[in-house]
Amino acid sequence: MTSSMVEILNIPQIQQVAVSDELLTVDLSDGRVIAVPLAWYPRLLHGTPAERGNWRLTGSQAGIHWPDLDEDISLKNILLGQPSGESQTSLQRWLDSR
């Protein structure tokens, strides 16, 4: 087994989530606290504080779902530094429907 396979198998669980006007912050079961720019996730950026605060953990605490914003973010993508892959067209359709 390669070290990259070991790292994938040992992904911690999300314990807590906080969303401010500028950051998405996740507390992990291994003690790390990871914060990424909210600009990476336009639906969160455009959401109200109430919508941002309405989240639930998914996939054995390896992802976060915001039902009011139809947004899903995986811990893997956060750890890899990958922002939203949503197209501008899709985002604009969503914004227009709000």
PDB file of N, CA and C in Angstrom:
ATOM      1  N   MET A   1       0.847  -1.169   0.000  1.00  0.00           N
ATOM      2  CA  MET A   1       0.000   0.000   0.000  1.00  0.00           C
ATOM      3  C   MET A   1       0.895   1.236   0.000  1.00  0.00           C
ATOM      4  N   THR A   2       0.603   2.165  -0.897  1.00  0.00           N
ATOM      5  CA  THR A   2       1.403   3.379  -0.967  1.00  0.00           C
ATOM      6  C   THR A   2       0.964   4.375   0.099  1.00  0.00           C
ATOM      7  N   SER A   3       1.812   5.345   0.359  1.00  0.00           N
ATOM      8  CA  SER A   3       1.467   6.331   1.386  1.00  0.00           C
ATOM      9  C   SER A   3       0.240   7.145   0.991  1.00  0.00           C
ATOM     10  N   SER A   4       0.040   7.396  -0.308  1.00  0.00           N
ATOM     11  CA  SER A   4      -1.143   8.156  -0.724  1.00  0.00           C
ATOM     12  C   SER A   4      -2.418   7.371  -0.447  1.00  0.00           C
ATOM     13  N   MET A   5      -2.366   6.050  -0.555  1.00  0.00           N
ATOM     14  CA  MET A   5      -3.531   5.235  -0.227  1.00  0.00           C
ATOM     15  C   MET A   5      -3.804   5.279   1.267  1.00  0.00           C
ATOM     16  N   VAL A   6      -2.779   5.277   2.073  1.00  0.00           N
ATOM     17  CA  VAL A   6      -2.949   5.347   3.520  1.00  0.00           C
ATOM     18  C   VAL A   6      -3.596   6.673   3.897  1.00  0.00           C
ATOM     19  N   GLU A   7      -3.142   7.761   3.285  1.00  0.00           N
ATOM     20  CA  GLU A   7      -3.699   9.072   3.585  1.00  0.00           C
ATOM     21  C   GLU A   7      -5.189   9.117   3.250  1.00  0.00           C
ATOM     22  N   ILE A   8      -5.588   8.548   2.134  1.00  0.00           N
ATOM     23  CA  ILE A   8      -6.990   8.545   1.745  1.00  0.00           C
ATOM     24  C   ILE A   8      -7.825   7.742   2.734  1.00  0.00           C
ATOM     25  N   LEU A   9      -7.281   6.645   3.229  1.00  0.00           N
ATOM     26  CA  LEU A   9      -8.021   5.811   4.171  1.00  0.00           C
ATOM     27  C   LEU A   9      -8.160   6.461   5.538  1.00  0.00           C
ATOM     28  N   ASN A  10      -7.303   7.408   5.873  1.00  0.00           N
ATOM     29  CA  ASN A  10      -7.312   8.014   7.191  1.00  0.00           C
ATOM     30  C   ASN A  10      -7.879   9.428   7.198  1.00  0.00           C
ATOM     31  N   ILE A  11      -8.818   9.726   6.333  1.00  0.00           N
ATOM     32  CA  ILE A  11      -9.440  11.044   6.324  1.00  0.00           C
ATOM     33  C   ILE A  11     -10.260  11.184   7.605  1.00  0.00           C
ATOM     34  N   PRO A  12     -10.056  12.270   8.345  1.00  0.00           N
ATOM     35  CA  PRO A  12     -10.807  12.465   9.587  1.00  0.00           C
ATOM     36  C   PRO A  12     -12.271  12.795   9.297  1.00  0.00           C
ATOM     37  N   GLN A  13     -13.051  12.865  10.350  1.00  0.00           N
ATOM     38  CA  GLN A  13     -14.451  13.239  10.216  1.00  0.00           C
ATOM     39  C   GLN A  13     -14.619  14.717  10.564  1.00  0.00           C
ATOM     40  N   ILE A  14     -15.629  15.314   9.968  1.00  0.00           N
ATOM     41  CA  ILE A  14     -15.988  16.686  10.297  1.00  0.00           C
ATOM     42  C   ILE A  14     -16.737  16.659  11.623  1.00  0.00           C
ATOM     43  N   GLN A  15     -16.338  17.527  12.543  1.00  0.00           N
ATOM     44  CA  GLN A  15     -17.001  17.609  13.837  1.00  0.00           C
ATOM     45  C   GLN A  15     -17.922  18.827  13.935  1.00  0.00           C
ATOM     46  N   GLN A  16     -17.512  19.942  13.326  1.00  0.00           N
ATOM     47  CA  GLN A  16     -18.271  21.181  13.413  1.00  0.00           C
ATOM     48  C   GLN A  16     -18.015  22.013  12.166  1.00  0.00           C
ATOM     49  N   VAL A  17     -18.986  22.841  11.823  1.00  0.00           N
ATOM     50  CA  VAL A  17     -18.907  23.704  10.646  1.00  0.00           C
ATOM     51  C   VAL A  17     -19.313  25.113  11.060  1.00  0.00           C
ATOM     52  N   ALA A  18     -18.584  26.097  10.573  1.00  0.00           N
ATOM     53  CA  ALA A  18     -18.953  27.499  10.785  1.00  0.00           C
ATOM     54  C   ALA A  18     -18.760  28.242   9.468  1.00  0.00           C
ATOM     55  N   VAL A  19     -19.708  29.125   9.177  1.00  0.00           N
ATOM     56  CA  VAL A  19     -19.627  29.918   7.963  1.00  0.00           C
ATOM     57  C   VAL A  19     -19.784  31.387   8.351  1.00  0.00           C
ATOM     58  N   SER A  20     -18.748  32.170   8.084  1.00  0.00           N
ATOM     59  CA  SER A  20     -18.805  33.616   8.317  1.00  0.00           C
ATOM     60  C   SER A  20     -19.006  34.306   6.976  1.00  0.00           C
ATOM     61  N   ASP A  21     -18.916  35.622   6.960  1.00  0.00           N
ATOM     62  CA  ASP A  21     -19.033  36.354   5.696  1.00  0.00           C
ATOM     63  C   ASP A  21     -17.830  36.128   4.794  1.00  0.00           C
ATOM     64  N   GLU A  22     -16.726  35.624   5.358  1.00  0.00           N
ATOM     65  CA  GLU A  22     -15.495  35.469   4.583  1.00  0.00           C
ATOM     66  C   GLU A  22     -14.939  34.049   4.529  1.00  0.00           C
ATOM     67  N   LEU A  23     -15.287  33.197   5.515  1.00  0.00           N
ATOM     68  CA  LEU A  23     -14.645  31.886   5.617  1.00  0.00           C
ATOM     69  C   LEU A  23     -15.629  30.751   5.861  1.00  0.00           C
ATOM     70  N   LEU A  24     -15.288  29.584   5.319  1.00  0.00           N
ATOM     71  CA  LEU A  24     -15.900  28.314   5.702  1.00  0.00           C
ATOM     72  C   LEU A  24     -14.860  27.616   6.569  1.00  0.00           C
ATOM     73  N   THR A  25     -15.235  27.295   7.808  1.00  0.00           N
ATOM     74  CA  THR A  25     -14.306  26.681   8.752  1.00  0.00           C
ATOM     75  C   THR A  25     -14.862  25.339   9.202  1.00  0.00           C
ATOM     76  N   VAL A  26     -14.026  24.304   9.157  1.00  0.00           N
ATOM     77  CA  VAL A  26     -14.433  22.980   9.631  1.00  0.00           C
ATOM     78  C   VAL A  26     -13.459  22.510  10.705  1.00  0.00           C
ATOM     79  N   ASP A  27     -14.021  21.993  11.788  1.00  0.00           N
ATOM     80  CA  ASP A  27     -13.238  21.369  12.850  1.00  0.00           C
ATOM     81  C   ASP A  27     -13.244  19.869  12.584  1.00  0.00           C
ATOM     82  N   LEU A  28     -12.067  19.257  12.623  1.00  0.00           N
ATOM     83  CA  LEU A  28     -11.938  17.846  12.283  1.00  0.00           C
ATOM     84  C   LEU A  28     -11.674  16.992  13.515  1.00  0.00           C
ATOM     85  N   SER A  29     -11.982  15.714  13.382  1.00  0.00           N
ATOM     86  CA  SER A  29     -11.836  14.779  14.496  1.00  0.00           C
ATOM     87  C   SER A  29     -10.390  14.567  14.909  1.00  0.00           C
ATOM     88  N   ASP A  30      -9.433  14.912  14.054  1.00  0.00           N
ATOM     89  CA  ASP A  30      -8.022  14.755  14.410  1.00  0.00           C
ATOM     90  C   ASP A  30      -7.440  16.015  15.049  1.00  0.00           C
ATOM     91  N   GLY A  31      -8.311  17.014  15.328  1.00  0.00           N
ATOM     92  CA  GLY A  31      -7.873  18.227  15.996  1.00  0.00           C
ATOM     93  C   GLY A  31      -7.580  19.398  15.074  1.00  0.00           C
ATOM     94  N   ARG A  32      -7.504  19.155  13.776  1.00  0.00           N
ATOM     95  CA  ARG A  32      -7.245  20.260  12.849  1.00  0.00           C
ATOM     96  C   ARG A  32      -8.478  21.146  12.690  1.00  0.00           C
ATOM     97  N   VAL A  33      -8.220  22.389  12.415  1.00  0.00           N
ATOM     98  CA  VAL A  33      -9.252  23.339  12.039  1.00  0.00           C
ATOM     99  C   VAL A  33      -8.828  23.890  10.678  1.00  0.00           C
ATOM    100  N   ILE A  34      -9.682  23.696   9.673  1.00  0.00           N
ATOM    101  CA  ILE A  34      -9.372  24.112   8.311  1.00  0.00           C
ATOM    102  C   ILE A  34     -10.324  25.243   7.938  1.00  0.00           C
ATOM    103  N   ALA A  35      -9.773  26.331   7.417  1.00  0.00           N
ATOM    104  CA  ALA A  35     -10.591  27.450   6.956  1.00  0.00           C
ATOM    105  C   ALA A  35     -10.238  27.750   5.505  1.00  0.00           C
ATOM    106  N   VAL A  36     -11.266  27.935   4.698  1.00  0.00           N
ATOM    107  CA  VAL A  36     -11.077  28.261   3.280  1.00  0.00           C
ATOM    108  C   VAL A  36     -11.928  29.481   2.943  1.00  0.00           C
ATOM    109  N   PRO A  37     -11.537  30.232   1.929  1.00  0.00           N
ATOM    110  CA  PRO A  37     -12.292  31.435   1.564  1.00  0.00           C
ATOM    111  C   PRO A  37     -13.702  31.092   1.095  1.00  0.00           C
ATOM    112  N   LEU A  38     -14.675  31.846   1.572  1.00  0.00           N
ATOM    113  CA  LEU A  38     -16.049  31.624   1.150  1.00  0.00           C
ATOM    114  C   LEU A  38     -16.208  31.882  -0.348  1.00  0.00           C
ATOM    115  N   ALA A  39     -15.346  32.696  -0.904  1.00  0.00           N
ATOM    116  CA  ALA A  39     -15.387  32.979  -2.349  1.00  0.00           C
ATOM    117  C   ALA A  39     -15.210  31.707  -3.178  1.00  0.00           C
ATOM    118  N   TRP A  40     -14.645  30.657  -2.590  1.00  0.00           N
ATOM    119  CA  TRP A  40     -14.511  29.388  -3.303  1.00  0.00           C
ATOM    120  C   TRP A  40     -15.869  28.746  -3.565  1.00  0.00           C
ATOM    121  N   TYR A  41     -16.873  29.108  -2.795  1.00  0.00           N
ATOM    122  CA  TYR A  41     -18.191  28.471  -2.866  1.00  0.00           C
ATOM    123  C   TYR A  41     -19.253  29.556  -3.054  1.00  0.00           C
ATOM    124  N   PRO A  42     -19.506  29.957  -4.305  1.00  0.00           N
ATOM    125  CA  PRO A  42     -20.395  31.092  -4.578  1.00  0.00           C
ATOM    126  C   PRO A  42     -21.796  30.968  -3.985  1.00  0.00           C
ATOM    127  N   ARG A  43     -22.339  29.770  -3.921  1.00  0.00           N
ATOM    128  CA  ARG A  43     -23.680  29.645  -3.343  1.00  0.00           C
ATOM    129  C   ARG A  43     -23.662  30.011  -1.861  1.00  0.00           C
ATOM    130  N   LEU A  44     -22.619  29.615  -1.160  1.00  0.00           N
ATOM    131  CA  LEU A  44     -22.495  30.020   0.242  1.00  0.00           C
ATOM    132  C   LEU A  44     -22.274  31.525   0.332  1.00  0.00           C
ATOM    133  N   LEU A  45     -21.452  32.043  -0.538  1.00  0.00           N
ATOM    134  CA  LEU A  45     -21.156  33.472  -0.551  1.00  0.00           C
ATOM    135  C   LEU A  45     -22.427  34.301  -0.724  1.00  0.00           C
ATOM    136  N   HIS A  46     -23.338  33.841  -1.586  1.00  0.00           N
ATOM    137  CA  HIS A  46     -24.577  34.559  -1.857  1.00  0.00           C
ATOM    138  C   HIS A  46     -25.700  34.190  -0.894  1.00  0.00           C
ATOM    139  N   GLY A  47     -25.481  33.221  -0.022  1.00  0.00           N
ATOM    140  CA  GLY A  47     -26.507  32.803   0.924  1.00  0.00           C
ATOM    141  C   GLY A  47     -26.654  33.768   2.089  1.00  0.00           C
ATOM    142  N   THR A  48     -27.805  33.727   2.706  1.00  0.00           N
ATOM    143  CA  THR A  48     -28.036  34.526   3.907  1.00  0.00           C
ATOM    144  C   THR A  48     -27.391  33.816   5.101  1.00  0.00           C
ATOM    145  N   PRO A  49     -27.175  34.531   6.193  1.00  0.00           N
ATOM    146  CA  PRO A  49     -26.655  33.851   7.393  1.00  0.00           C
ATOM    147  C   PRO A  49     -27.528  32.671   7.821  1.00  0.00           C
ATOM    148  N   ALA A  50     -28.835  32.809   7.710  1.00  0.00           N
ATOM    149  CA  ALA A  50     -29.731  31.704   8.086  1.00  0.00           C
ATOM    150  C   ALA A  50     -29.536  30.505   7.157  1.00  0.00           C
ATOM    151  N   GLU A  51     -29.406  30.760   5.853  1.00  0.00           N
ATOM    152  CA  GLU A  51     -29.189  29.662   4.900  1.00  0.00           C
ATOM    153  C   GLU A  51     -27.843  28.994   5.142  1.00  0.00           C
ATOM    154  N   ARG A  52     -26.820  29.785   5.421  1.00  0.00           N
ATOM    155  CA  ARG A  52     -25.486  29.228   5.698  1.00  0.00           C
ATOM    156  C   ARG A  52     -25.470  28.410   6.979  1.00  0.00           C
ATOM    157  N   GLY A  53     -26.298  28.809   7.923  1.00  0.00           N
ATOM    158  CA  GLY A  53     -26.332  28.102   9.206  1.00  0.00           C
ATOM    159  C   GLY A  53     -27.139  26.824   9.188  1.00  0.00           C
ATOM    160  N   ASN A  54     -27.895  26.602   8.132  1.00  0.00           N
ATOM    161  CA  ASN A  54     -28.710  25.396   8.004  1.00  0.00           C
ATOM    162  C   ASN A  54     -27.943  24.356   7.184  1.00  0.00           C
ATOM    163  N   TRP A  55     -27.105  23.588   7.861  1.00  0.00           N
ATOM    164  CA  TRP A  55     -26.294  22.573   7.201  1.00  0.00           C
ATOM    165  C   TRP A  55     -26.432  21.255   7.949  1.00  0.00           C
ATOM    166  N   ARG A  56     -26.037  20.176   7.272  1.00  0.00           N
ATOM    167  CA  ARG A  56     -25.970  18.858   7.926  1.00  0.00           C
ATOM    168  C   ARG A  56     -24.789  18.103   7.356  1.00  0.00           C
ATOM    169  N   LEU A  57     -24.257  17.204   8.162  1.00  0.00           N
ATOM    170  CA  LEU A  57     -23.140  16.372   7.717  1.00  0.00           C
ATOM    171  C   LEU A  57     -23.677  15.203   6.915  1.00  0.00           C
ATOM    172  N   THR A  58     -22.927  14.798   5.905  1.00  0.00           N
ATOM    173  CA  THR A  58     -23.315  13.684   5.045  1.00  0.00           C
ATOM    174  C   THR A  58     -22.142  12.713   4.908  1.00  0.00           C
ATOM    175  N   GLY A  59     -22.422  11.540   4.373  1.00  0.00           N
ATOM    176  CA  GLY A  59     -21.372  10.589   4.030  1.00  0.00           C
ATOM    177  C   GLY A  59     -20.441  10.250   5.172  1.00  0.00           C
ATOM    178  N   SER A  60     -20.994   9.802   6.287  1.00  0.00           N
ATOM    179  CA  SER A  60     -20.181   9.442   7.461  1.00  0.00           C
ATOM    180  C   SER A  60     -19.305  10.602   7.919  1.00  0.00           C
ATOM    181  N   GLN A  61     -19.890  11.796   7.906  1.00  0.00           N
ATOM    182  CA  GLN A  61     -19.228  13.021   8.349  1.00  0.00           C
ATOM    183  C   GLN A  61     -18.042  13.400   7.468  1.00  0.00           C
ATOM    184  N   ALA A  62     -18.151  13.071   6.175  1.00  0.00           N
ATOM    185  CA  ALA A  62     -17.096  13.414   5.211  1.00  0.00           C
ATOM    186  C   ALA A  62     -17.555  14.488   4.233  1.00  0.00           C
ATOM    187  N   GLY A  63     -18.754  15.028   4.433  1.00  0.00           N
ATOM    188  CA  GLY A  63     -19.272  16.061   3.558  1.00  0.00           C
ATOM    189  C   GLY A  63     -20.266  16.935   4.291  1.00  0.00           C
ATOM    190  N   ILE A  64     -20.580  18.067   3.680  1.00  0.00           N
ATOM    191  CA  ILE A  64     -21.518  19.024   4.254  1.00  0.00           C
ATOM    192  C   ILE A  64     -22.560  19.350   3.193  1.00  0.00           C
ATOM    193  N   HIS A  65     -23.827  19.387   3.622  1.00  0.00           N
ATOM    194  CA  HIS A  65     -24.932  19.708   2.716  1.00  0.00           C
ATOM    195  C   HIS A  65     -25.714  20.893   3.279  1.00  0.00           C
ATOM    196  N   TRP A  66     -25.975  21.884   2.421  1.00  0.00           N
ATOM    197  CA  TRP A  66     -26.811  23.028   2.753  1.00  0.00           C
ATOM    198  C   TRP A  66     -28.083  22.911   1.925  1.00  0.00           C
ATOM    199  N   PRO A  67     -29.185  22.424   2.499  1.00  0.00           N
ATOM    200  CA  PRO A  67     -30.397  22.204   1.702  1.00  0.00           C
ATOM    201  C   PRO A  67     -30.996  23.482   1.124  1.00  0.00           C
ATOM    202  N   ASP A  68     -30.922  24.592   1.852  1.00  0.00           N
ATOM    203  CA  ASP A  68     -31.503  25.842   1.357  1.00  0.00           C
ATOM    204  C   ASP A  68     -30.739  26.410   0.167  1.00  0.00           C
ATOM    205  N   LEU A  69     -29.478  26.027   0.029  1.00  0.00           N
ATOM    206  CA  LEU A  69     -28.628  26.549  -1.048  1.00  0.00           C
ATOM    207  C   LEU A  69     -28.322  25.502  -2.113  1.00  0.00           C
ATOM    208  N   ASP A  70     -28.822  24.278  -1.916  1.00  0.00           N
ATOM    209  CA  ASP A  70     -28.533  23.163  -2.819  1.00  0.00           C
ATOM    210  C   ASP A  70     -27.026  23.044  -3.055  1.00  0.00           C
ATOM    211  N   GLU A  71     -26.267  23.067  -1.961  1.00  0.00           N
ATOM    212  CA  GLU A  71     -24.800  23.024  -2.017  1.00  0.00           C
ATOM    213  C   GLU A  71     -24.286  21.827  -1.234  1.00  0.00           C
ATOM    214  N   ASP A  72     -23.337  21.123  -1.816  1.00  0.00           N
ATOM    215  CA  ASP A  72     -22.657  20.000  -1.172  1.00  0.00           C
ATOM    216  C   ASP A  72     -21.160  20.202  -1.322  1.00  0.00           C
ATOM    217  N   ILE A  73     -20.438  20.072  -0.222  1.00  0.00           N
ATOM    218  CA  ILE A  73     -18.983  20.217  -0.242  1.00  0.00           C
ATOM    219  C   ILE A  73     -18.383  19.042   0.507  1.00  0.00           C
ATOM    220  N   SER A  74     -17.430  18.380  -0.127  1.00  0.00           N
ATOM    221  CA  SER A  74     -16.783  17.236   0.520  1.00  0.00           C
ATOM    222  C   SER A  74     -15.544  17.691   1.292  1.00  0.00           C
ATOM    223  N   LEU A  75     -15.267  16.996   2.364  1.00  0.00           N
ATOM    224  CA  LEU A  75     -14.059  17.262   3.127  1.00  0.00           C
ATOM    225  C   LEU A  75     -12.835  17.024   2.254  1.00  0.00           C
ATOM    226  N   LYS A  76     -12.880  16.030   1.414  1.00  0.00           N
ATOM    227  CA  LYS A  76     -11.755  15.741   0.523  1.00  0.00           C
ATOM    228  C   LYS A  76     -11.418  16.968  -0.325  1.00  0.00           C
ATOM    229  N   ASN A  77     -12.435  17.613  -0.894  1.00  0.00           N
ATOM    230  CA  ASN A  77     -12.177  18.803  -1.713  1.00  0.00           C
ATOM    231  C   ASN A  77     -11.630  19.952  -0.889  1.00  0.00           C
ATOM    232  N   ILE A  78     -12.119  20.105   0.333  1.00  0.00           N
ATOM    233  CA  ILE A  78     -11.583  21.146   1.207  1.00  0.00           C
ATOM    234  C   ILE A  78     -10.113  20.873   1.492  1.00  0.00           C
ATOM    235  N   LEU A  79      -9.800  19.635   1.852  1.00  0.00           N
ATOM    236  CA  LEU A  79      -8.410  19.288   2.175  1.00  0.00           C
ATOM    237  C   LEU A  79      -7.485  19.429   0.972  1.00  0.00           C
ATOM    238  N   LEU A  80      -8.008  19.166  -0.219  1.00  0.00           N
ATOM    239  CA  LEU A  80      -7.200  19.287  -1.436  1.00  0.00           C
ATOM    240  C   LEU A  80      -7.165  20.713  -1.980  1.00  0.00           C
ATOM    241  N   GLY A  81      -7.889  21.623  -1.339  1.00  0.00           N
ATOM    242  CA  GLY A  81      -7.890  23.011  -1.784  1.00  0.00           C
ATOM    243  C   GLY A  81      -8.624  23.226  -3.090  1.00  0.00           C
ATOM    244  N   GLN A  82      -9.676  22.435  -3.315  1.00  0.00           N
ATOM    245  CA  GLN A  82     -10.422  22.539  -4.573  1.00  0.00           C
ATOM    246  C   GLN A  82     -11.702  23.353  -4.374  1.00  0.00           C
ATOM    247  N   PRO A  83     -11.795  24.506  -5.008  1.00  0.00           N
ATOM    248  CA  PRO A  83     -13.025  25.300  -4.921  1.00  0.00           C
ATOM    249  C   PRO A  83     -14.160  24.656  -5.713  1.00  0.00           C
ATOM    250  N   SER A  84     -15.317  25.262  -5.637  1.00  0.00           N
ATOM    251  CA  SER A  84     -16.493  24.778  -6.355  1.00  0.00           C
ATOM    252  C   SER A  84     -16.192  24.639  -7.837  1.00  0.00           C
ATOM    253  N   GLY A  85     -16.711  23.595  -8.432  1.00  0.00           N
ATOM    254  CA  GLY A  85     -16.546  23.394  -9.863  1.00  0.00           C
ATOM    255  C   GLY A  85     -17.775  23.809 -10.644  1.00  0.00           C
ATOM    256  N   GLU A  86     -18.723  24.501  -9.974  1.00  0.00           N
ATOM    257  CA  GLU A  86     -19.957  24.908 -10.647  1.00  0.00           C
ATOM    258  C   GLU A  86     -19.659  25.925 -11.742  1.00  0.00           C
ATOM    259  N   SER A  87     -20.299  25.745 -12.884  1.00  0.00           N
ATOM    260  CA  SER A  87     -20.095  26.670 -14.002  1.00  0.00           C
ATOM    261  C   SER A  87     -20.787  28.004 -13.711  1.00  0.00           C
ATOM    262  N   GLN A  88     -20.314  29.032 -14.364  1.00  0.00           N
ATOM    263  CA  GLN A  88     -20.934  30.352 -14.221  1.00  0.00           C
ATOM    264  C   GLN A  88     -22.382  30.337 -14.710  1.00  0.00           C
ATOM    265  N   THR A  89     -22.648  29.554 -15.743  1.00  0.00           N
ATOM    266  CA  THR A  89     -24.009  29.450 -16.272  1.00  0.00           C
ATOM    267  C   THR A  89     -24.942  28.854 -15.228  1.00  0.00           C
ATOM    268  N   SER A  90     -24.507  27.774 -14.593  1.00  0.00           N
ATOM    269  CA  SER A  90     -25.310  27.131 -13.561  1.00  0.00           C
ATOM    270  C   SER A  90     -25.524  28.066 -12.374  1.00  0.00           C
ATOM    271  N   LEU A  91     -24.470  28.722 -11.948  1.00  0.00           N
ATOM    272  CA  LEU A  91     -24.577  29.652 -10.825  1.00  0.00           C
ATOM    273  C   LEU A  91     -25.541  30.789 -11.167  1.00  0.00           C
ATOM    274  N   GLN A  92     -25.440  31.327 -12.366  1.00  0.00           N
ATOM    275  CA  GLN A  92     -26.321  32.430 -12.755  1.00  0.00           C
ATOM    276  C   GLN A  92     -27.776  31.990 -12.781  1.00  0.00           C
ATOM    277  N   ARG A  93     -28.048  30.761 -13.281  1.00  0.00           N
ATOM    278  CA  ARG A  93     -29.419  30.231 -13.263  1.00  0.00           C
ATOM    279  C   ARG A  93     -29.940  30.157 -11.841  1.00  0.00           C
ATOM    280  N   TRP A  94     -29.080  29.684 -10.924  1.00  0.00           N
ATOM    281  CA  TRP A  94     -29.470  29.569  -9.515  1.00  0.00           C
ATOM    282  C   TRP A  94     -29.731  30.959  -8.926  1.00  0.00           C
ATOM    283  N   LEU A  95     -28.852  31.915  -9.197  1.00  0.00           N
ATOM    284  CA  LEU A  95     -29.037  33.271  -8.683  1.00  0.00           C
ATOM    285  C   LEU A  95     -30.336  33.885  -9.217  1.00  0.00           C
ATOM    286  N   ASP A  96     -30.619  33.669 -10.501  1.00  0.00           N
ATOM    287  CA  ASP A  96     -31.835  34.211 -11.114  1.00  0.00           C
ATOM    288  C   ASP A  96     -33.093  33.612 -10.501  1.00  0.00           C
ATOM    289  N   SER A  97     -33.013  32.391 -10.011  1.00  0.00           N
ATOM    290  CA  SER A  97     -34.176  31.728  -9.434  1.00  0.00           C
ATOM    291  C   SER A  97     -34.435  32.116  -7.979  1.00  0.00           C
ATOM    292  N   ARG A  98     -33.523  32.848  -7.379  1.00  0.00           N
ATOM    293  CA  ARG A  98     -33.669  33.221  -5.967  1.00  0.00           C
ATOM    294  C   ARG A  98     -34.596  34.393  -5.766  1.00  0.00           C
TER     295      ARG A  98
END
